[in-house]
Amino acid sequence: MKANRLLPALAAAMMSSVALAPTASFAATCESLINAHVANTTITAAQSIFAGAYVAPDGTNVGNMPAFCRVAATVSTQPTEAVKIEIWMPASDWNGKYEAQGSGGFGGSISYAALAAPVNAGFAAATTDTGHEGGTIGAIGAPLPWAQNPVSLYDWGHTSIHLMTVAAKDIIKQFYKKDIRYSYYAGCSTGGAEAMEEAEYYPEDFDGLWAGSPGMDYAHLMESFLWGGLPSAQNPAALVPQSTLNALNTAVLNACTSAKALVTDTFLNDPRDCHFDPSALLCTAGQSSGTCLTAPQLAAVKHLYSPVTNPRTGLKLYPGFAPGSESQWALIQGSLIAFFAQPLLANTVFNNPNWDWTTFNYDSDAKRVDQVLSPKIDATSPNLSRLRELGHKLIMTQGWIDALNAQSLPIEYYNNVVLSNDSGNIHKTADYFRLFMVPGMSHCGGGPGPNNFDAVAALEKWVEQRAEPDTLLATAYKNGDPSQGVAMTRPLCPYPKVVKYQAGNPTQAASFTCVNDADDYAKDRAQEVKNLLQNLVVGDRQNLPN
């Protein structure tokens, strides 16, 4: 009698085990990958992961996950090279696609959290530590061994995503015993730069690439960080505190209502239409601190609006910051130097971790940076002919109030591609490359504007259905918190179009349309022609015309 009573419980327990665990064939296939042969690759882990909450090897809780096969590996094609990669493959319901995830900062670690969303969406996904461990950010005086190693520096700057993808595609094919139907890449900031490395050097790797807020002109971006910190380093009174930055930003928004889509917007729709003179905020006797600019602060503000410039030749090395972004300027006034610019330049160009960044010469030292560092880490060539010929697609997005990257660099690059790669035919460029400027978005997200959108979904439709991305639907959440509901939706428009309010509910995307901005496009194009000519005269072949 007791045995009979145990049988239903035992059967229920067995059924529960079957429901929770991957199938036996999946488990065997996943674990067997530890012995898979993959060129230049050593597989270090092959593990079946149960459905449910998952804590990654670094302790990151990635939330509820479907059952998947986790593979860790190291790719080495030459001595001292060790590009660590992580590949997650759904145990069931694989959509036949591969999505690579980019890194941030100096890389140096596996971002397990980045793999969760694509795997939940049915993709096999991969990411990499970019070829070194540690060093996501740097510090003044601290050596960066990976940056001093030419192999790991080049992997971080150019090749780690490609090496990862070659190995990952092989492993995915061996696991599913099927070919990958489509491959996509998604990355922002350094990840956006990695997208452009792929577009320029390895365009065959991905059918579609998303380059968000791309640090593609990385070497000159470091010069921009130095540029932004100079005023307060030379005169501490030039530092503009956050309260004053906010007051400046408010003055800009109030003065430039014509640059908004709606008068009630708390951000500029197109900062190119704003011509605010910060001298209007110069302090007068009796004004309270934080509501105006002192003379040193005014000079600093004008410095940040201005492009990084070679004082001898007048060549513009990197754009200045756009009107309307002032509230985001806290980091650019010095903090980014200690985290990124000084450590990277000190360890790669000046061979001295204690190099005094305030001595940087924007003529001779800038030339040295172009010779020593730019070829190893930048991706600014307008030659995307191979990407175009393959029929692969590129979407670039850039926030108009980015806290790190000067906002207009992607516009200048896009026009460089139109002029240099497509003989001035923007329609030809739009067939494979589209740029979306995002009003009110900071670096890779955040800010008062609609800053949440799905570029990969747009790429999928473009690649697989030939549905051109004429808009991206962007959402702003109340207080930036999705749990509090939607504050507004608005379309993002492909450059050179801009959004325009038509009629209806101003919080709904359907009330807006995209219109051509012929005047600003003509100015942008003329400026880029001027930049290209200036580069030819000066003889600077490394500099992206700015």
Protein backbone atom coordinates (compact mmCIF):
# COMPACT_ATOMS: atom_id res chain seq x y z
CA MET A 1 0.00 0.00 0.00
CA LYS A 2 2.83 2.38 0.90
CA ALA A 3 4.59 1.62 -2.41
CA ASN A 4 1.43 2.41 -4.38
CA ARG A 5 1.11 5.76 -2.67
CA LEU A 6 4.74 6.61 -3.57
CA LEU A 7 4.31 5.91 -7.27
CA PRO A 8 2.24 9.05 -8.12
CA ALA A 9 4.65 11.24 -6.17
CA LEU A 10 7.63 9.67 -7.91
CA ALA A 11 5.98 10.14 -11.31
CA ALA A 12 5.21 13.79 -10.51
CA ALA A 13 8.80 14.37 -9.44
CA MET A 14 10.08 12.84 -12.66
CA MET A 15 7.77 15.03 -14.76
CA SER A 16 8.90 18.10 -12.85
CA SER A 17 12.52 17.22 -13.53
CA VAL A 18 11.82 16.85 -17.25
CA ALA A 19 10.08 20.25 -17.33
CA LEU A 20 12.89 22.08 -15.55
CA ALA A 21 15.89 20.57 -17.28
CA PRO A 22 17.08 20.78 -20.88
CA THR A 23 16.36 17.68 -22.94
CA ALA A 24 18.87 14.87 -22.79
CA SER A 25 19.98 15.42 -26.38
CA PHE A 26 20.49 19.15 -25.75
CA ALA A 27 22.50 18.46 -22.59
CA ALA A 28 24.73 15.97 -24.35
CA THR A 29 25.20 18.27 -27.35
CA CYS A 30 26.06 21.27 -25.20
CA GLU A 31 28.50 19.48 -22.91
CA SER A 32 30.13 17.76 -25.89
CA LEU A 33 31.16 21.18 -27.26
CA ILE A 34 34.01 21.16 -24.75
CA ASN A 35 35.76 18.88 -27.24
CA ALA A 36 34.69 20.71 -30.38
CA HIS A 37 37.38 21.68 -32.85
CA VAL A 38 37.28 25.41 -33.61
CA ALA A 39 40.20 27.06 -35.38
CA ASN A 40 42.50 29.10 -33.11
CA THR A 41 40.09 28.56 -30.22
CA THR A 42 40.25 26.79 -26.87
CA ILE A 43 36.86 26.03 -25.36
CA THR A 44 37.05 26.35 -21.57
CA ALA A 45 33.43 25.68 -20.59
CA ALA A 46 30.35 24.08 -22.16
CA GLN A 47 27.44 24.04 -19.75
CA SER A 48 23.69 23.41 -20.00
CA ILE A 49 21.82 26.07 -18.04
CA PHE A 50 18.36 25.36 -16.64
CA ALA A 51 15.48 27.71 -17.31
CA GLY A 52 14.84 30.24 -14.55
CA ALA A 53 16.89 32.73 -12.57
CA TYR A 54 20.55 32.62 -13.56
CA VAL A 55 23.59 34.01 -11.78
CA ALA A 56 26.50 34.44 -14.19
CA PRO A 57 30.09 33.43 -13.35
CA ASP A 58 30.91 36.99 -12.21
CA GLY A 59 27.94 37.07 -9.85
CA THR A 60 25.65 39.07 -12.14
CA ASN A 61 22.00 38.07 -11.75
CA VAL A 62 20.60 38.21 -15.27
CA GLY A 63 17.03 37.35 -14.23
CA ASN A 64 14.77 34.65 -15.60
CA MET A 65 16.25 32.96 -18.63
CA PRO A 66 15.12 30.21 -20.97
CA ALA A 67 17.23 27.07 -20.95
CA PHE A 68 20.43 27.71 -22.91
CA CYS A 69 23.85 26.34 -23.68
CA ARG A 70 26.68 28.44 -22.29
CA VAL A 71 30.09 28.20 -23.96
CA ALA A 72 33.19 30.06 -22.85
CA ALA A 73 36.29 30.10 -25.03
CA THR A 74 39.56 31.87 -25.75
CA VAL A 75 40.66 32.83 -29.25
CA SER A 76 44.41 33.10 -29.91
CA THR A 77 45.89 33.58 -33.37
CA GLN A 78 49.33 34.78 -32.28
CA PRO A 79 51.56 34.91 -29.19
CA THR A 80 50.23 36.96 -26.23
CA GLU A 81 46.75 37.08 -27.78
CA ALA A 82 43.86 35.90 -25.61
CA VAL A 83 40.43 37.10 -26.71
CA LYS A 84 37.96 35.60 -24.25
CA ILE A 85 34.44 35.10 -25.57
CA GLU A 86 31.11 33.97 -24.16
CA ILE A 87 28.37 32.39 -26.32
CA TRP A 88 24.83 31.67 -25.14
CA MET A 89 22.54 29.55 -27.35
CA PRO A 90 18.84 28.91 -26.64
CA ALA A 91 18.05 25.26 -25.98
CA SER A 92 14.86 25.56 -28.00
CA ASP A 93 13.07 28.06 -30.23
CA TRP A 94 16.30 29.39 -31.75
CA ASN A 95 15.35 31.94 -34.40
CA GLY A 96 18.25 30.95 -36.63
CA LYS A 97 20.08 34.23 -36.00
CA TYR A 98 23.27 35.39 -34.29
CA GLU A 99 23.57 38.68 -32.41
CA ALA A 100 26.94 39.95 -31.20
CA GLN A 101 27.06 42.41 -28.32
CA GLY A 102 29.62 45.20 -28.04
CA SER A 103 31.61 46.40 -25.06
CA GLY A 104 32.07 49.70 -23.26
CA GLY A 105 34.99 51.83 -22.08
CA PHE A 106 38.27 49.97 -22.38
CA GLY A 107 36.50 46.59 -22.36
CA GLY A 108 38.41 44.12 -20.21
CA SER A 109 35.52 41.93 -19.04
CA ILE A 110 32.63 39.81 -20.27
CA SER A 111 29.30 41.62 -20.02
CA TYR A 112 27.03 38.70 -19.15
CA ALA A 113 24.00 40.95 -18.70
CA ALA A 114 24.27 42.04 -22.35
CA LEU A 115 23.58 38.48 -23.51
CA ALA A 116 20.28 38.09 -21.67
CA ALA A 117 18.01 40.17 -23.95
CA PRO A 118 19.03 38.63 -27.29
CA VAL A 119 18.84 35.09 -25.89
CA ASN A 120 15.37 35.82 -24.50
CA ALA A 121 14.45 37.01 -27.99
CA GLY A 122 15.61 33.72 -29.53
CA PHE A 123 19.07 34.75 -30.77
CA ALA A 124 22.30 32.91 -30.22
CA ALA A 125 24.44 35.67 -28.71
CA ALA A 126 28.10 36.35 -28.02
CA THR A 127 30.30 38.97 -26.42
CA THR A 128 33.99 39.39 -25.60
CA ASP A 129 36.39 40.93 -23.11
CA THR A 130 38.04 42.59 -26.19
CA GLY A 131 41.32 40.74 -25.68
CA HIS A 132 42.37 41.63 -22.14
CA GLU A 133 41.21 41.28 -18.56
CA GLY A 134 40.65 44.32 -16.36
CA GLY A 135 41.05 47.97 -17.16
CA THR A 136 37.51 49.04 -18.17
CA ILE A 137 38.64 52.48 -17.05
CA GLY A 138 42.10 53.77 -16.16
CA ALA A 139 43.66 56.10 -13.62
CA ILE A 140 46.38 58.72 -13.83
CA GLY A 141 49.73 57.15 -13.01
CA ALA A 142 48.46 53.58 -13.36
CA PRO A 143 50.04 51.42 -16.06
CA LEU A 144 47.73 49.78 -18.58
CA PRO A 145 49.64 46.62 -19.54
CA TRP A 146 47.14 45.69 -22.24
CA ALA A 147 47.52 49.10 -23.90
CA GLN A 148 51.30 48.73 -23.84
CA ASN A 149 50.99 45.37 -25.63
CA PRO A 150 50.60 45.97 -29.39
CA VAL A 151 48.62 42.76 -29.85
CA SER A 152 46.02 43.37 -27.14
CA LEU A 153 45.78 47.06 -28.06
CA TYR A 154 45.01 46.15 -31.67
CA ASP A 155 42.53 43.49 -30.56
CA TRP A 156 40.70 46.09 -28.46
CA GLY A 157 40.85 48.65 -31.24
CA HIS A 158 40.21 46.55 -34.33
CA THR A 159 39.92 42.77 -34.25
CA SER A 160 38.31 41.28 -31.12
CA ILE A 161 34.73 41.38 -32.46
CA HIS A 162 35.84 39.73 -35.69
CA LEU A 163 37.83 36.99 -33.91
CA MET A 164 34.89 36.37 -31.58
CA THR A 165 32.44 36.18 -34.47
CA VAL A 166 34.45 33.71 -36.54
CA ALA A 167 34.71 31.36 -33.57
CA ALA A 168 31.13 31.94 -32.38
CA LYS A 169 29.61 31.19 -35.77
CA ASP A 170 31.50 27.90 -35.91
CA ILE A 171 30.38 26.91 -32.40
CA ILE A 172 26.76 27.89 -33.09
CA LYS A 173 26.72 25.84 -36.28
CA GLN A 174 28.17 22.82 -34.48
CA PHE A 175 25.60 23.12 -31.68
CA TYR A 176 22.50 23.45 -33.85
CA LYS A 177 23.89 21.52 -36.83
CA LYS A 178 22.38 24.27 -38.99
CA ASP A 179 23.69 27.34 -40.75
CA ILE A 180 23.01 30.76 -39.26
CA ARG A 181 20.41 32.56 -41.36
CA TYR A 182 21.29 36.14 -40.38
CA SER A 183 23.92 37.82 -38.22
CA TYR A 184 23.57 41.15 -36.40
CA TYR A 185 25.75 43.33 -34.24
CA ALA A 186 24.59 45.75 -31.52
CA GLY A 187 26.86 48.13 -29.65
CA CYS A 188 26.98 51.62 -28.20
CA SER A 189 29.87 53.94 -27.20
CA THR A 190 32.98 51.75 -27.53
CA GLY A 191 30.53 49.17 -28.84
CA GLY A 192 29.49 51.70 -31.48
CA ALA A 193 33.13 52.10 -32.41
CA GLU A 194 33.39 48.33 -32.71
CA ALA A 195 30.46 48.38 -35.12
CA MET A 196 32.37 50.80 -37.31
CA GLU A 197 35.52 48.65 -37.09
CA GLU A 198 33.41 45.81 -38.45
CA ALA A 199 31.86 47.99 -41.17
CA GLU A 200 35.26 49.20 -42.31
CA TYR A 201 37.48 46.13 -41.87
CA TYR A 202 35.21 43.05 -41.69
CA PRO A 203 31.91 43.95 -43.42
CA GLU A 204 31.27 40.32 -44.31
CA ASP A 205 30.75 39.37 -40.64
CA PHE A 206 27.27 40.84 -40.17
CA ASP A 207 24.18 41.35 -42.29
CA GLY A 208 23.23 44.31 -40.11
CA LEU A 209 25.15 46.57 -37.73
CA TRP A 210 23.94 49.04 -35.12
CA ALA A 211 26.52 51.68 -34.17
CA GLY A 212 25.16 53.64 -31.21
CA SER A 213 26.88 56.86 -30.03
CA PRO A 214 30.02 55.60 -31.76
CA GLY A 215 33.43 56.47 -30.31
CA MET A 216 34.78 55.70 -33.78
CA ASP A 217 37.28 58.59 -33.78
CA TYR A 218 38.61 57.35 -30.45
CA ALA A 219 42.05 58.93 -30.53
CA HIS A 220 40.63 62.39 -31.26
CA LEU A 221 37.88 61.77 -28.71
CA MET A 222 40.66 61.50 -26.13
CA GLU A 223 41.97 64.86 -27.33
CA SER A 224 38.46 66.24 -26.86
CA PHE A 225 38.47 65.02 -23.26
CA LEU A 226 41.75 66.87 -22.69
CA TRP A 227 40.35 69.95 -24.42
CA GLY A 228 37.29 69.97 -22.17
CA GLY A 229 39.37 69.79 -18.99
CA LEU A 230 41.89 72.50 -19.89
CA PRO A 231 39.98 75.61 -18.70
CA SER A 232 39.48 74.39 -15.13
CA ALA A 233 42.97 72.83 -14.99
CA GLN A 234 44.50 76.18 -15.90
CA ASN A 235 42.12 78.16 -13.70
CA PRO A 236 39.95 76.36 -11.09
CA ALA A 237 37.54 79.31 -11.18
CA ALA A 238 36.61 78.28 -14.73
CA LEU A 239 34.88 75.11 -13.54
CA VAL A 240 31.15 75.43 -14.19
CA PRO A 241 29.14 73.65 -11.44
CA GLN A 242 26.08 71.57 -12.25
CA SER A 243 23.65 74.21 -11.00
CA THR A 244 25.14 76.78 -13.38
CA LEU A 245 25.19 74.29 -16.25
CA ASN A 246 21.48 73.73 -15.65
CA ALA A 247 20.85 77.49 -15.67
CA LEU A 248 22.80 77.82 -18.91
CA ASN A 249 20.84 74.96 -20.45
CA THR A 250 17.55 76.58 -19.44
CA ALA A 251 18.62 79.86 -21.03
CA VAL A 252 19.50 78.04 -24.26
CA LEU A 253 16.16 76.22 -24.36
CA ASN A 254 14.24 79.42 -23.69
CA ALA A 255 16.13 81.34 -26.38
CA CYS A 256 15.94 78.64 -29.05
CA THR A 257 12.30 77.66 -29.21
CA SER A 258 12.51 77.53 -33.00
CA ALA A 259 14.95 74.63 -32.63
CA LYS A 260 12.30 72.58 -30.82
CA ALA A 261 9.63 70.39 -32.33
CA LEU A 262 7.22 71.73 -29.69
CA VAL A 263 7.55 74.88 -27.59
CA THR A 264 6.90 72.77 -24.50
CA ASP A 265 9.81 70.40 -25.19
CA THR A 266 12.59 70.38 -22.61
CA PHE A 267 15.19 69.61 -25.28
CA LEU A 268 16.11 70.88 -28.74
CA ASN A 269 14.85 68.99 -31.75
CA ASP A 270 17.67 70.34 -33.95
CA PRO A 271 20.49 72.22 -32.19
CA ARG A 272 21.86 73.37 -35.56
CA ASP A 273 19.04 75.92 -35.59
CA CYS A 274 20.08 77.37 -32.23
CA HIS A 275 22.53 80.28 -32.23
CA PHE A 276 22.65 81.24 -28.57
CA ASP A 277 25.40 83.55 -27.33
CA PRO A 278 26.38 82.54 -23.78
CA SER A 279 27.70 86.06 -23.20
CA ALA A 280 24.10 86.91 -22.39
CA LEU A 281 24.61 85.09 -19.08
CA LEU A 282 27.73 87.00 -18.02
CA CYS A 283 27.32 87.92 -14.37
CA THR A 284 26.56 91.50 -13.41
CA ALA A 285 26.87 93.06 -9.99
CA GLY A 286 24.44 91.61 -7.49
CA GLN A 287 23.56 88.40 -9.37
CA SER A 288 23.46 85.28 -7.23
CA SER A 289 25.89 82.44 -7.80
CA GLY A 290 24.58 79.69 -10.06
CA THR A 291 22.30 81.91 -12.15
CA CYS A 292 25.00 83.46 -14.34
CA LEU A 293 28.49 82.86 -15.72
CA THR A 294 31.60 84.49 -14.32
CA ALA A 295 34.18 85.65 -16.84
CA PRO A 296 36.33 82.48 -16.44
CA GLN A 297 33.24 80.29 -16.70
CA LEU A 298 32.04 82.12 -19.81
CA ALA A 299 35.43 81.50 -21.43
CA ALA A 300 35.18 77.81 -20.49
CA VAL A 301 31.68 77.53 -21.98
CA LYS A 302 32.80 79.09 -25.26
CA HIS A 303 35.77 76.70 -25.25
CA LEU A 304 33.43 73.69 -24.93
CA TYR A 305 31.22 74.90 -27.77
CA SER A 306 34.29 75.32 -29.99
CA PRO A 307 35.96 72.46 -31.90
CA VAL A 308 39.30 71.00 -30.89
CA THR A 309 41.66 72.88 -33.18
CA ASN A 310 45.30 72.77 -34.24
CA PRO A 311 46.50 76.31 -33.34
CA ARG A 312 49.11 76.38 -36.11
CA THR A 313 47.15 75.07 -39.09
CA GLY A 314 43.60 75.84 -37.96
CA LEU A 315 42.66 72.25 -38.71
CA LYS A 316 39.65 71.10 -36.71
CA LEU A 317 40.48 67.82 -34.99
CA TYR A 318 37.14 67.11 -33.30
CA PRO A 319 33.80 68.97 -33.09
CA GLY A 320 32.65 71.08 -30.18
CA PHE A 321 29.53 70.37 -28.16
CA ALA A 322 26.08 71.31 -29.43
CA PRO A 323 23.73 73.90 -27.90
CA GLY A 324 21.19 72.23 -25.65
CA SER A 325 23.67 69.71 -24.21
CA GLU A 326 24.99 71.99 -21.43
CA SER A 327 23.36 70.10 -18.55
CA GLN A 328 25.48 67.07 -19.55
CA TRP A 329 28.87 68.80 -19.33
CA ALA A 330 29.94 67.82 -15.81
CA LEU A 331 32.16 64.91 -16.92
CA ILE A 332 33.72 66.64 -19.94
CA GLN A 333 35.23 69.31 -17.68
CA GLY A 334 37.86 66.93 -16.34
CA SER A 335 36.61 63.60 -14.99
CA LEU A 336 36.90 61.81 -18.31
CA ILE A 337 40.59 62.69 -18.46
CA ALA A 338 41.45 60.57 -15.43
CA PHE A 339 39.24 57.67 -16.52
CA PHE A 340 40.22 57.49 -20.19
CA ALA A 341 42.30 60.14 -21.94
CA GLN A 342 45.38 60.42 -19.74
CA PRO A 343 45.77 56.66 -19.12
CA LEU A 344 45.32 55.70 -22.78
CA LEU A 345 47.57 58.40 -24.24
CA ALA A 346 50.14 58.06 -21.47
CA ASN A 347 50.48 54.30 -22.02
CA THR A 348 50.37 54.22 -25.82
CA VAL A 349 51.78 57.50 -27.13
CA PHE A 350 53.97 58.99 -24.41
CA ASN A 351 55.21 55.77 -22.73
CA ASN A 352 54.90 57.30 -19.27
CA PRO A 353 51.93 56.54 -16.98
CA ASN A 354 52.64 59.81 -15.14
CA TRP A 355 52.66 61.95 -18.28
CA ASP A 356 51.35 65.47 -17.58
CA TRP A 357 48.30 65.79 -19.82
CA THR A 358 48.20 69.59 -19.43
CA THR A 359 51.33 69.77 -21.61
CA PHE A 360 49.53 68.28 -24.63
CA ASN A 361 50.32 70.23 -27.80
CA TYR A 362 47.45 70.24 -30.30
CA ASP A 363 49.92 70.54 -33.15
CA SER A 364 52.96 68.34 -32.57
CA ASP A 365 51.41 65.96 -30.02
CA ALA A 366 48.21 65.65 -32.07
CA LYS A 367 50.32 64.62 -35.05
CA ARG A 368 52.09 62.07 -32.86
CA VAL A 369 48.73 60.65 -31.76
CA ASP A 370 47.69 60.31 -35.40
CA GLN A 371 50.89 58.48 -36.23
CA VAL A 372 51.10 56.17 -33.22
CA LEU A 373 47.56 55.53 -31.99
CA SER A 374 44.89 56.43 -34.56
CA PRO A 375 45.72 53.62 -37.03
CA LYS A 376 45.38 51.05 -34.22
CA ILE A 377 42.05 52.07 -32.73
CA ASP A 378 40.07 54.41 -35.04
CA ALA A 379 37.49 53.53 -37.69
CA THR A 380 36.83 56.74 -39.61
CA SER A 381 37.42 55.76 -43.22
CA PRO A 382 34.46 56.70 -45.43
CA ASN A 383 35.21 53.74 -47.68
CA LEU A 384 32.25 51.46 -47.01
CA SER A 385 32.15 50.14 -50.55
CA ARG A 386 32.49 46.50 -49.52
CA LEU A 387 29.60 46.83 -47.06
CA ARG A 388 27.53 48.38 -49.83
CA GLU A 389 28.45 45.69 -52.35
CA LEU A 390 27.55 42.90 -49.94
CA GLY A 391 24.12 44.41 -49.43
CA HIS A 392 24.71 44.64 -45.68
CA LYS A 393 23.11 47.41 -43.63
CA LEU A 394 24.31 49.94 -41.07
CA ILE A 395 22.23 52.02 -38.67
CA MET A 396 24.01 54.70 -36.64
CA THR A 397 22.31 56.58 -33.80
CA GLN A 398 23.57 59.61 -31.90
CA GLY A 399 22.04 61.58 -29.03
CA TRP A 400 21.94 65.36 -29.43
CA ILE A 401 22.89 65.87 -25.75
CA ASP A 402 25.59 63.18 -25.51
CA ALA A 403 27.69 63.65 -22.37
CA LEU A 404 30.88 62.18 -23.90
CA ASN A 405 30.93 62.35 -27.70
CA ALA A 406 30.59 65.62 -29.57
CA GLN A 407 27.17 65.25 -31.11
CA SER A 408 27.81 66.33 -34.69
CA LEU A 409 30.64 63.89 -35.48
CA PRO A 410 28.27 61.28 -37.01
CA ILE A 411 26.76 63.96 -39.26
CA GLU A 412 30.21 64.88 -40.50
CA TYR A 413 31.13 61.24 -41.02
CA TYR A 414 27.87 60.54 -42.87
CA ASN A 415 28.50 63.39 -45.27
CA ASN A 416 32.06 62.19 -45.73
CA VAL A 417 30.68 58.79 -46.80
CA VAL A 418 28.20 60.46 -49.18
CA LEU A 419 30.93 62.57 -50.77
CA SER A 420 33.81 60.09 -50.76
CA ASN A 421 32.16 56.70 -51.11
CA ASP A 422 29.01 57.46 -53.09
CA SER A 423 30.05 60.36 -55.36
CA GLY A 424 27.80 62.80 -53.57
CA ASN A 425 24.64 60.71 -54.07
CA ILE A 426 22.94 60.59 -50.67
CA HIS A 427 20.22 58.27 -51.99
CA LYS A 428 22.90 55.72 -52.80
CA THR A 429 24.24 56.00 -49.24
CA ALA A 430 20.76 55.63 -47.76
CA ASP A 431 20.44 52.25 -49.48
CA TYR A 432 22.85 50.74 -46.94
CA PHE A 433 23.64 53.35 -44.25
CA ARG A 434 21.23 55.49 -42.22
CA LEU A 435 21.94 57.92 -39.42
CA PHE A 436 19.35 58.79 -36.80
CA MET A 437 20.00 61.80 -34.59
CA VAL A 438 18.09 61.48 -31.30
CA PRO A 439 16.81 64.73 -29.77
CA GLY A 440 17.12 64.89 -26.00
CA MET A 441 19.19 61.71 -25.63
CA SER A 442 22.50 61.59 -23.79
CA HIS A 443 25.22 58.96 -24.19
CA CYS A 444 23.60 55.66 -25.26
CA GLY A 445 20.38 56.62 -23.48
CA GLY A 446 19.04 58.83 -20.75
CA GLY A 447 18.04 62.46 -21.03
CA PRO A 448 14.65 64.19 -21.28
CA GLY A 449 13.86 63.12 -24.84
CA PRO A 450 12.50 59.86 -26.28
CA ASN A 451 15.60 57.71 -25.85
CA ASN A 452 14.39 54.09 -25.99
CA PHE A 453 14.25 52.42 -29.41
CA ASP A 454 15.03 49.08 -31.04
CA ALA A 455 17.64 49.51 -33.76
CA VAL A 456 18.18 45.75 -34.14
CA ALA A 457 14.49 45.16 -34.92
CA ALA A 458 14.75 47.85 -37.61
CA LEU A 459 17.85 46.15 -39.00
CA GLU A 460 16.05 42.80 -39.11
CA LYS A 461 13.22 44.26 -41.19
CA TRP A 462 15.68 46.09 -43.44
CA VAL A 463 17.84 43.02 -44.04
CA GLU A 464 15.21 40.31 -44.15
CA GLN A 465 12.16 42.09 -45.56
CA ARG A 466 13.84 44.97 -47.41
CA ALA A 467 11.69 47.34 -45.34
CA GLU A 468 13.72 50.55 -45.27
CA PRO A 469 13.89 52.20 -41.84
CA ASP A 470 12.16 55.48 -42.67
CA THR A 471 11.65 56.08 -38.94
CA LEU A 472 12.56 54.55 -35.60
CA LEU A 473 9.87 54.64 -32.92
CA ALA A 474 11.35 56.13 -29.74
CA THR A 475 9.82 56.21 -26.27
CA ALA A 476 10.38 58.36 -23.19
CA TYR A 477 9.21 56.92 -19.87
CA LYS A 478 7.94 58.94 -16.94
CA ASN A 479 10.95 59.89 -14.81
CA GLY A 480 12.98 57.53 -17.00
CA ASP A 481 11.31 54.52 -15.36
CA PRO A 482 9.38 52.06 -17.58
CA SER A 483 7.37 50.89 -14.58
CA GLN A 484 5.84 54.38 -14.30
CA GLY A 485 4.45 54.31 -17.82
CA VAL A 486 5.06 56.10 -21.12
CA ALA A 487 5.54 59.87 -21.12
CA MET A 488 5.77 60.24 -24.90
CA THR A 489 6.53 58.47 -28.14
CA ARG A 490 8.07 60.20 -31.12
CA PRO A 491 9.56 59.11 -34.44
CA LEU A 492 13.28 59.42 -35.07
CA CYS A 493 14.08 60.51 -38.60
CA PRO A 494 16.92 59.41 -40.89
CA TYR A 495 19.38 62.22 -41.57
CA PRO A 496 18.99 64.71 -43.20
CA LYS A 497 15.28 64.61 -42.30
CA VAL A 498 14.02 66.03 -39.01
CA VAL A 499 10.79 65.47 -37.11
CA LYS A 500 7.93 67.98 -37.40
CA TYR A 501 4.72 68.25 -35.41
CA GLN A 502 1.56 68.01 -37.54
CA ALA A 503 -1.50 67.86 -35.33
CA GLY A 504 -3.01 65.81 -32.55
CA ASN A 505 -1.77 64.56 -29.20
CA PRO A 506 1.83 65.86 -28.80
CA THR A 507 2.75 62.83 -26.68
CA GLN A 508 1.98 60.43 -29.55
CA ALA A 509 4.33 59.59 -32.41
CA ALA A 510 1.44 59.63 -34.87
CA SER A 511 1.22 63.41 -34.42
CA PHE A 512 4.63 63.89 -36.04
CA THR A 513 6.17 63.32 -39.44
CA CYS A 514 9.67 63.40 -40.93
CA VAL A 515 10.47 66.25 -43.32
CA ASN A 516 13.51 67.12 -45.38
CA ASP A 517 15.79 69.77 -43.90
CA ALA A 518 17.34 71.03 -47.12
CA ASP A 519 18.89 74.19 -45.66
CA ASP A 520 20.82 72.49 -42.87
CA TYR A 521 21.83 69.63 -45.15
CA ALA A 522 23.26 72.08 -47.67
CA LYS A 523 25.26 73.75 -44.89
CA ASP A 524 26.49 70.42 -43.53
CA ARG A 525 27.55 69.25 -46.96
CA ALA A 526 29.32 72.52 -47.81
CA GLN A 527 31.17 72.40 -44.50
CA GLU A 528 32.30 68.84 -45.13
CA VAL A 529 33.63 69.80 -48.57
CA LYS A 530 35.56 72.60 -46.87
CA ASN A 531 36.88 70.18 -44.26
CA LEU A 532 38.03 67.70 -46.89
CA LEU A 533 39.86 70.41 -48.80
CA GLN A 534 41.51 71.67 -45.64
CA ASN A 535 42.71 68.17 -44.81
CA LEU A 536 44.24 67.86 -48.26
CA VAL A 537 46.03 71.20 -47.90
CA VAL A 538 47.36 70.38 -44.43
CA GLY A 539 48.25 66.82 -45.46
CA ASP A 540 46.55 65.14 -42.50
CA ARG A 541 45.54 61.68 -43.69
CA GLN A 542 44.56 60.31 -40.27
CA ASN A 543 42.15 63.04 -39.28
CA LEU A 544 38.45 62.60 -39.93
CA PRO A 545 37.41 65.95 -41.38
CA ASN A 546 35.63 67.94 -38.71
